[in-house]
Amino acid sequence: MTKEIIASVNGLTVINYSEKAIAVTGEAKAIKDTLKAMSGWFNKSLDMGDGTKFPGWIFKKDQLEAIVGLMGTLDKK
């Protein structure tokens, strides 16, 4: 089963990664320090669910609102 995309803004995509986690993928290099400060951890080989691997940041699902908020802020720049 492939993962559901929750939001996609300004080169970043938030994916419903599991029951307890979300993943942020895309052009995140410029904000990697912010993502790390938000307790995210980087994994270079996340599984999309269909055998496809991708790099991304993992967060607890309760951080979804903060992550989407961050993405909205970046979109306004």
Protein backbone atom coordinates (compact mmCIF):
# COMPACT_ATOMS: atom_id res chain seq x y z
CA MET A 1 0.00 0.00 0.00
CA THR A 2 1.39 3.41 -0.95
CA LYS A 3 1.46 6.26 1.54
CA GLU A 4 -1.12 9.06 1.44
CA ILE A 5 0.08 12.61 0.67
CA ILE A 6 -1.31 15.04 3.25
CA ALA A 7 0.09 18.34 1.96
CA SER A 8 2.47 19.58 -0.71
CA VAL A 9 3.77 23.15 -0.62
CA ASN A 10 6.88 24.92 -1.90
CA GLY A 11 8.80 21.77 -2.85
CA LEU A 12 7.99 19.91 0.38
CA THR A 13 5.54 17.04 0.78
CA VAL A 14 4.04 15.68 4.00
CA ILE A 15 3.14 12.00 3.84
CA ASN A 16 1.02 9.94 6.22
CA TYR A 17 3.87 7.49 6.83
CA SER A 18 2.36 5.20 9.48
CA GLU A 19 -0.24 5.09 12.22
CA LYS A 20 2.04 7.14 14.47
CA ALA A 21 4.30 9.03 12.06
CA ILE A 22 4.42 11.50 9.19
CA ALA A 23 7.28 12.02 6.76
CA VAL A 24 8.48 15.23 5.13
CA THR A 25 10.22 14.83 1.80
CA GLY A 26 11.39 17.14 -0.96
CA GLU A 27 13.55 20.25 -0.98
CA ALA A 28 14.21 20.36 2.78
CA LYS A 29 17.95 21.03 2.79
CA ALA A 30 17.49 24.76 3.45
CA ILE A 31 15.39 24.07 6.56
CA LYS A 32 17.13 20.93 7.85
CA ASP A 33 18.23 22.68 11.08
CA THR A 34 14.63 23.75 11.75
CA LEU A 35 13.35 20.22 11.10
CA LYS A 36 15.96 18.78 13.43
CA ALA A 37 15.07 21.35 16.12
CA MET A 38 11.44 20.20 15.79
CA SER A 39 12.59 16.70 16.87
CA GLY A 40 12.59 15.28 13.37
CA TRP A 41 15.07 12.65 12.33
CA PHE A 42 16.41 12.09 8.84
CA ASN A 43 16.27 8.74 7.08
CA LYS A 44 17.79 8.38 3.63
CA SER A 45 15.77 5.29 2.76
CA LEU A 46 12.09 5.59 3.71
CA ASP A 47 9.70 3.13 2.05
CA MET A 48 6.81 4.58 0.08
CA GLY A 49 4.89 1.31 0.42
CA ASP A 50 5.25 0.21 -3.19
CA GLY A 51 8.95 -0.66 -3.00
CA THR A 52 10.03 2.91 -3.83
CA LYS A 53 12.61 4.37 -1.45
CA PHE A 54 13.01 8.07 -0.75
CA PRO A 55 14.92 10.34 1.68
CA GLY A 56 12.88 12.22 4.23
CA TRP A 57 12.35 13.46 7.76
CA ILE A 58 10.19 11.50 10.22
CA PHE A 59 8.01 13.16 12.87
CA LYS A 60 5.42 12.01 15.37
CA LYS A 61 1.95 12.46 13.94
CA ASP A 62 1.02 14.98 16.65
CA GLN A 63 3.46 17.42 14.99
CA LEU A 64 1.47 17.52 11.76
CA GLU A 65 -0.06 20.94 12.41
CA ALA A 66 3.33 22.50 13.21
CA ILE A 67 4.94 20.99 10.11
CA VAL A 68 2.15 22.12 7.78
CA GLY A 69 2.31 25.56 9.45
CA LEU A 70 6.05 25.73 8.74
CA MET A 71 5.42 24.82 5.12
CA GLY A 72 2.82 27.59 4.85
CA THR A 73 5.34 30.10 6.17
CA LEU A 74 7.89 29.01 3.58
CA ASP A 75 5.31 29.33 0.79
CA LYS A 76 4.85 33.04 1.58
CA LYS A 77 8.54 33.85 1.03
